[in-house]
Amino acid sequence: LPDAMGLGGLERLLDAGAPAVVVLT
């Protein structure tokens, strides 16, 4: 993404309280 690359974006999303996350890349 423009403001997140790799697993850092996933970790930030989960820290924010995201529900189930499916990585599609």
PDB file of all heavy atoms in Angstrom:
ATOM      1  N   LEU A   1       0.837  -1.196   0.000  1.00  0.00           N
ATOM      2  CA  LEU A   1       0.000   0.000   0.000  1.00  0.00           C
ATOM      3  C   LEU A   1       0.873   1.247   0.000  1.00  0.00           C
ATOM      4  O   LEU A   1       2.050   1.186   0.383  1.00  0.00           O
ATOM      5  CB  LEU A   1      -0.908   0.011   1.235  1.00  0.00           C
ATOM      6  CG  LEU A   1      -1.925  -1.134   1.334  1.00  0.00           C
ATOM      7  CD1 LEU A   1      -2.553  -1.170   2.713  1.00  0.00           C
ATOM      8  CD2 LEU A   1      -3.010  -0.982   0.263  1.00  0.00           C
ATOM      9  N   PRO A   2       0.312   2.392  -0.382  1.00  0.00           N
ATOM     10  CA  PRO A   2       1.130   3.618  -0.394  1.00  0.00           C
ATOM     11  C   PRO A   2       1.704   3.974   0.970  1.00  0.00           C
ATOM     12  O   PRO A   2       2.797   4.522   1.057  1.00  0.00           O
ATOM     13  CB  PRO A   2       0.132   4.688  -0.872  1.00  0.00           C
ATOM     14  CG  PRO A   2      -0.934   3.939  -1.596  1.00  0.00           C
ATOM     15  CD  PRO A   2      -1.046   2.618  -0.919  1.00  0.00           C
ATOM     16  N   ASP A   3       0.979   3.652   2.057  1.00  0.00           N
ATOM     17  CA  ASP A   3       1.440   4.028   3.390  1.00  0.00           C
ATOM     18  C   ASP A   3       1.829   2.825   4.250  1.00  0.00           C
ATOM     19  O   ASP A   3       2.023   2.951   5.457  1.00  0.00           O
ATOM     20  CB  ASP A   3       0.371   4.841   4.119  1.00  0.00           C
ATOM     21  CG  ASP A   3      -0.982   4.129   4.182  1.00  0.00           C
ATOM     22  OD1 ASP A   3      -1.129   3.088   3.508  1.00  0.00           O
ATOM     23  OD2 ASP A   3      -1.869   4.604   4.910  1.00  0.00           O
ATOM     24  N   ALA A   4       1.971   1.650   3.626  1.00  0.00           N
ATOM     25  CA  ALA A   4       2.389   0.463   4.393  1.00  0.00           C
ATOM     26  C   ALA A   4       2.841  -0.623   3.432  1.00  0.00           C
ATOM     27  O   ALA A   4       2.130  -0.939   2.470  1.00  0.00           O
ATOM     28  CB  ALA A   4       1.245  -0.052   5.265  1.00  0.00           C
ATOM     29  N   MET A   5       3.996  -1.178   3.715  1.00  0.00           N
ATOM     30  CA  MET A   5       4.521  -2.273   2.897  1.00  0.00           C
ATOM     31  C   MET A   5       4.826  -3.460   3.796  1.00  0.00           C
ATOM     32  O   MET A   5       5.385  -3.308   4.886  1.00  0.00           O
ATOM     33  CB  MET A   5       5.799  -1.840   2.185  1.00  0.00           C
ATOM     34  CG  MET A   5       5.571  -0.863   1.026  1.00  0.00           C
ATOM     35  SD  MET A   5       4.659  -1.614  -0.346  1.00  0.00           S
ATOM     36  CE  MET A   5       5.845  -2.838  -0.896  1.00  0.00           C
ATOM     37  N   GLY A   6       4.435  -4.657   3.337  1.00  0.00           N
ATOM     38  CA  GLY A   6       4.769  -5.863   4.063  1.00  0.00           C
ATOM     39  C   GLY A   6       3.913  -6.067   5.303  1.00  0.00           C
ATOM     40  O   GLY A   6       2.806  -5.545   5.426  1.00  0.00           O
ATOM     41  N   LEU A   7       4.472  -6.837   6.264  1.00  0.00           N
ATOM     42  CA  LEU A   7       3.708  -7.256   7.431  1.00  0.00           C
ATOM     43  C   LEU A   7       3.467  -6.128   8.428  1.00  0.00           C
ATOM     44  O   LEU A   7       2.645  -6.269   9.332  1.00  0.00           O
ATOM     45  CB  LEU A   7       4.420  -8.415   8.131  1.00  0.00           C
ATOM     46  CG  LEU A   7       4.542  -9.701   7.308  1.00  0.00           C
ATOM     47  CD1 LEU A   7       5.291 -10.760   8.093  1.00  0.00           C
ATOM     48  CD2 LEU A   7       3.161 -10.212   6.904  1.00  0.00           C
ATOM     49  N   GLY A   8       4.171  -5.012   8.276  1.00  0.00           N
ATOM     50  CA  GLY A   8       3.948  -3.894   9.185  1.00  0.00           C
ATOM     51  C   GLY A   8       2.520  -3.380   9.114  1.00  0.00           C
ATOM     52  O   GLY A   8       1.934  -2.988  10.131  1.00  0.00           O
ATOM     53  N   GLY A   9       1.940  -3.374   7.901  1.00  0.00           N
ATOM     54  CA  GLY A   9       0.556  -2.942   7.752  1.00  0.00           C
ATOM     55  C   GLY A   9      -0.403  -3.880   8.453  1.00  0.00           C
ATOM     56  O   GLY A   9      -1.374  -3.445   9.090  1.00  0.00           O
ATOM     57  N   LEU A  10      -0.155  -5.193   8.356  1.00  0.00           N
ATOM     58  CA  LEU A  10      -0.990  -6.183   9.036  1.00  0.00           C
ATOM     59  C   LEU A  10      -0.932  -5.983  10.546  1.00  0.00           C
ATOM     60  O   LEU A  10      -1.967  -5.974  11.226  1.00  0.00           O
ATOM     61  CB  LEU A  10      -0.536  -7.588   8.661  1.00  0.00           C
ATOM     62  CG  LEU A  10      -1.159  -8.744   9.457  1.00  0.00           C
ATOM     63  CD1 LEU A  10      -2.663  -8.786   9.251  1.00  0.00           C
ATOM     64  CD2 LEU A  10      -0.504 -10.071   9.061  1.00  0.00           C
ATOM     65  N   GLU A  11       0.260  -5.798  11.069  1.00  0.00           N
ATOM     66  CA  GLU A  11       0.416  -5.631  12.512  1.00  0.00           C
ATOM     67  C   GLU A  11      -0.281  -4.370  12.998  1.00  0.00           C
ATOM     68  O   GLU A  11      -0.934  -4.371  14.050  1.00  0.00           O
ATOM     69  CB  GLU A  11       1.902  -5.604  12.866  1.00  0.00           C
ATOM     70  CG  GLU A  11       2.600  -6.944  12.609  1.00  0.00           C
ATOM     71  CD  GLU A  11       4.110  -6.841  12.708  1.00  0.00           C
ATOM     72  OE1 GLU A  11       4.615  -5.704  12.823  1.00  0.00           O
ATOM     73  OE2 GLU A  11       4.771  -7.898  12.655  1.00  0.00           O
ATOM     74  N   ARG A  12      -0.162  -3.303  12.223  1.00  0.00           N
ATOM     75  CA  ARG A  12      -0.823  -2.062  12.627  1.00  0.00           C
ATOM     76  C   ARG A  12      -2.339  -2.223  12.619  1.00  0.00           C
ATOM     77  O   ARG A  12      -3.040  -1.723  13.517  1.00  0.00           O
ATOM     78  CB  ARG A  12      -0.410  -0.931  11.688  1.00  0.00           C
ATOM     79  CG  ARG A  12      -1.033   0.411  12.060  1.00  0.00           C
ATOM     80  CD  ARG A  12      -0.621   1.501  11.084  1.00  0.00           C
ATOM     81  NE  ARG A  12      -1.439   2.697  11.260  1.00  0.00           N
ATOM     82  CZ  ARG A  12      -1.493   3.705  10.415  1.00  0.00           C
ATOM     83  NH1 ARG A  12      -0.744   3.670   9.300  1.00  0.00           N
ATOM     84  NH2 ARG A  12      -2.273   4.749  10.646  1.00  0.00           N
ATOM     85  N   LEU A  13      -2.850  -2.938  11.623  1.00  0.00           N
ATOM     86  CA  LEU A  13      -4.287  -3.144  11.522  1.00  0.00           C
ATOM     87  C   LEU A  13      -4.798  -3.974  12.702  1.00  0.00           C
ATOM     88  O   LEU A  13      -5.838  -3.667  13.298  1.00  0.00           O
ATOM     89  CB  LEU A  13      -4.606  -3.841  10.198  1.00  0.00           C
ATOM     90  CG  LEU A  13      -5.983  -3.604   9.579  1.00  0.00           C
ATOM     91  CD1 LEU A  13      -6.215  -2.130   9.319  1.00  0.00           C
ATOM     92  CD2 LEU A  13      -6.118  -4.394   8.285  1.00  0.00           C
ATOM     93  N   LEU A  14      -4.065  -5.024  13.052  1.00  0.00           N
ATOM     94  CA  LEU A  14      -4.468  -5.863  14.181  1.00  0.00           C
ATOM     95  C   LEU A  14      -4.381  -5.096  15.502  1.00  0.00           C
ATOM     96  O   LEU A  14      -5.244  -5.241  16.371  1.00  0.00           O
ATOM     97  CB  LEU A  14      -3.594  -7.120  14.239  1.00  0.00           C
ATOM     98  CG  LEU A  14      -3.773  -8.106  13.084  1.00  0.00           C
ATOM     99  CD1 LEU A  14      -2.741  -9.221  13.159  1.00  0.00           C
ATOM    100  CD2 LEU A  14      -5.187  -8.695  13.099  1.00  0.00           C
ATOM    101  N   ASP A  15      -3.356  -4.266  15.642  1.00  0.00           N
ATOM    102  CA  ASP A  15      -3.231  -3.450  16.858  1.00  0.00           C
ATOM    103  C   ASP A  15      -4.395  -2.477  16.996  1.00  0.00           C
ATOM    104  O   ASP A  15      -4.773  -2.098  18.110  1.00  0.00           O
ATOM    105  CB  ASP A  15      -1.914  -2.671  16.845  1.00  0.00           C
ATOM    106  CG  ASP A  15      -0.700  -3.560  17.060  1.00  0.00           C
ATOM    107  OD1 ASP A  15      -0.883  -4.701  17.570  1.00  0.00           O
ATOM    108  OD2 ASP A  15       0.421  -3.134  16.725  1.00  0.00           O
ATOM    109  N   ALA A  16      -4.961  -2.074  15.859  1.00  0.00           N
ATOM    110  CA  ALA A  16      -6.089  -1.135  15.881  1.00  0.00           C
ATOM    111  C   ALA A  16      -7.410  -1.829  16.178  1.00  0.00           C
ATOM    112  O   ALA A  16      -8.447  -1.171  16.260  1.00  0.00           O
ATOM    113  CB  ALA A  16      -6.173  -0.396  14.550  1.00  0.00           C
ATOM    114  N   GLY A  17      -7.383  -3.167  16.315  1.00  0.00           N
ATOM    115  CA  GLY A  17      -8.596  -3.903  16.655  1.00  0.00           C
ATOM    116  C   GLY A  17      -9.330  -4.476  15.469  1.00  0.00           C
ATOM    117  O   GLY A  17     -10.554  -4.653  15.515  1.00  0.00           O
ATOM    118  N   ALA A  18      -8.606  -4.796  14.402  1.00  0.00           N
ATOM    119  CA  ALA A  18      -9.241  -5.338  13.208  1.00  0.00           C
ATOM    120  C   ALA A  18      -9.882  -6.698  13.497  1.00  0.00           C
ATOM    121  O   ALA A  18      -9.400  -7.459  14.334  1.00  0.00           O
ATOM    122  CB  ALA A  18      -8.216  -5.485  12.093  1.00  0.00           C
ATOM    123  N   PRO A  19     -10.981  -7.006  12.809  1.00  0.00           N
ATOM    124  CA  PRO A  19     -11.571  -8.350  12.911  1.00  0.00           C
ATOM    125  C   PRO A  19     -10.723  -9.341  12.123  1.00  0.00           C
ATOM    126  O   PRO A  19      -9.523  -9.133  11.951  1.00  0.00           O
ATOM    127  CB  PRO A  19     -12.954  -8.148  12.302  1.00  0.00           C
ATOM    128  CG  PRO A  19     -12.754  -7.071  11.280  1.00  0.00           C
ATOM    129  CD  PRO A  19     -11.718  -6.147  11.881  1.00  0.00           C
ATOM    130  N   ALA A  20     -11.330 -10.408  11.620  1.00  0.00           N
ATOM    131  CA  ALA A  20     -10.596 -11.400  10.836  1.00  0.00           C
ATOM    132  C   ALA A  20      -9.931 -10.731   9.631  1.00  0.00           C
ATOM    133  O   ALA A  20     -10.552  -9.945   8.918  1.00  0.00           O
ATOM    134  CB  ALA A  20     -11.556 -12.486  10.354  1.00  0.00           C
ATOM    135  N   VAL A  21      -8.662 -11.030   9.413  1.00  0.00           N
ATOM    136  CA  VAL A  21      -7.905 -10.436   8.316  1.00  0.00           C
ATOM    137  C   VAL A  21      -7.428 -11.537   7.376  1.00  0.00           C
ATOM    138  O   VAL A  21      -6.793 -12.508   7.812  1.00  0.00           O
ATOM    139  CB  VAL A  21      -6.687  -9.639   8.831  1.00  0.00           C
ATOM    140  CG1 VAL A  21      -5.890  -9.075   7.655  1.00  0.00           C
ATOM    141  CG2 VAL A  21      -7.131  -8.512   9.751  1.00  0.00           C
ATOM    142  N   VAL A  22      -7.749 -11.384   6.103  1.00  0.00           N
ATOM    143  CA  VAL A  22      -7.239 -12.264   5.054  1.00  0.00           C
ATOM    144  C   VAL A  22      -6.306 -11.429   4.189  1.00  0.00           C
ATOM    145  O   VAL A  22      -6.709 -10.394   3.646  1.00  0.00           O
ATOM    146  CB  VAL A  22      -8.366 -12.862   4.203  1.00  0.00           C
ATOM    147  CG1 VAL A  22      -7.779 -13.628   3.010  1.00  0.00           C
ATOM    148  CG2 VAL A  22      -9.247 -13.774   5.039  1.00  0.00           C
ATOM    149  N   VAL A  23      -5.055 -11.845   4.093  1.00  0.00           N
ATOM    150  CA  VAL A  23      -4.077 -11.125   3.288  1.00  0.00           C
ATOM    151  C   VAL A  23      -4.273 -11.531   1.823  1.00  0.00           C
ATOM    152  O   VAL A  23      -4.271 -12.710   1.484  1.00  0.00           O
ATOM    153  CB  VAL A  23      -2.642 -11.441   3.753  1.00  0.00           C
ATOM    154  CG1 VAL A  23      -1.618 -10.882   2.755  1.00  0.00           C
ATOM    155  CG2 VAL A  23      -2.402 -10.848   5.145  1.00  0.00           C
ATOM    156  N   LEU A  24      -4.477 -10.536   0.950  1.00  0.00           N
ATOM    157  CA  LEU A  24      -4.650 -10.757  -0.489  1.00  0.00           C
ATOM    158  C   LEU A  24      -3.651  -9.851  -1.192  1.00  0.00           C
ATOM    159  O   LEU A  24      -3.826  -8.631  -1.231  1.00  0.00           O
ATOM    160  CB  LEU A  24      -6.077 -10.420  -0.916  1.00  0.00           C
ATOM    161  CG  LEU A  24      -6.424 -10.605  -2.392  1.00  0.00           C
ATOM    162  CD1 LEU A  24      -6.289 -12.059  -2.796  1.00  0.00           C
ATOM    163  CD2 LEU A  24      -7.826 -10.088  -2.684  1.00  0.00           C
ATOM    164  N   THR A  25      -2.606 -10.440  -1.742  1.00  0.00           N
ATOM    165  CA  THR A  25      -1.519  -9.621  -2.263  1.00  0.00           C
ATOM    166  C   THR A  25      -0.876 -10.272  -3.472  1.00  0.00           C
ATOM    167  O   THR A  25      -1.040 -11.473  -3.716  1.00  0.00           O
ATOM    168  CB  THR A  25      -0.461  -9.391  -1.165  1.00  0.00           C
ATOM    169  OG1 THR A  25       0.554  -8.542  -1.651  1.00  0.00           O
ATOM    170  CG2 THR A  25       0.136 -10.712  -0.707  1.00  0.00           C
TER     171      THR A  25
END
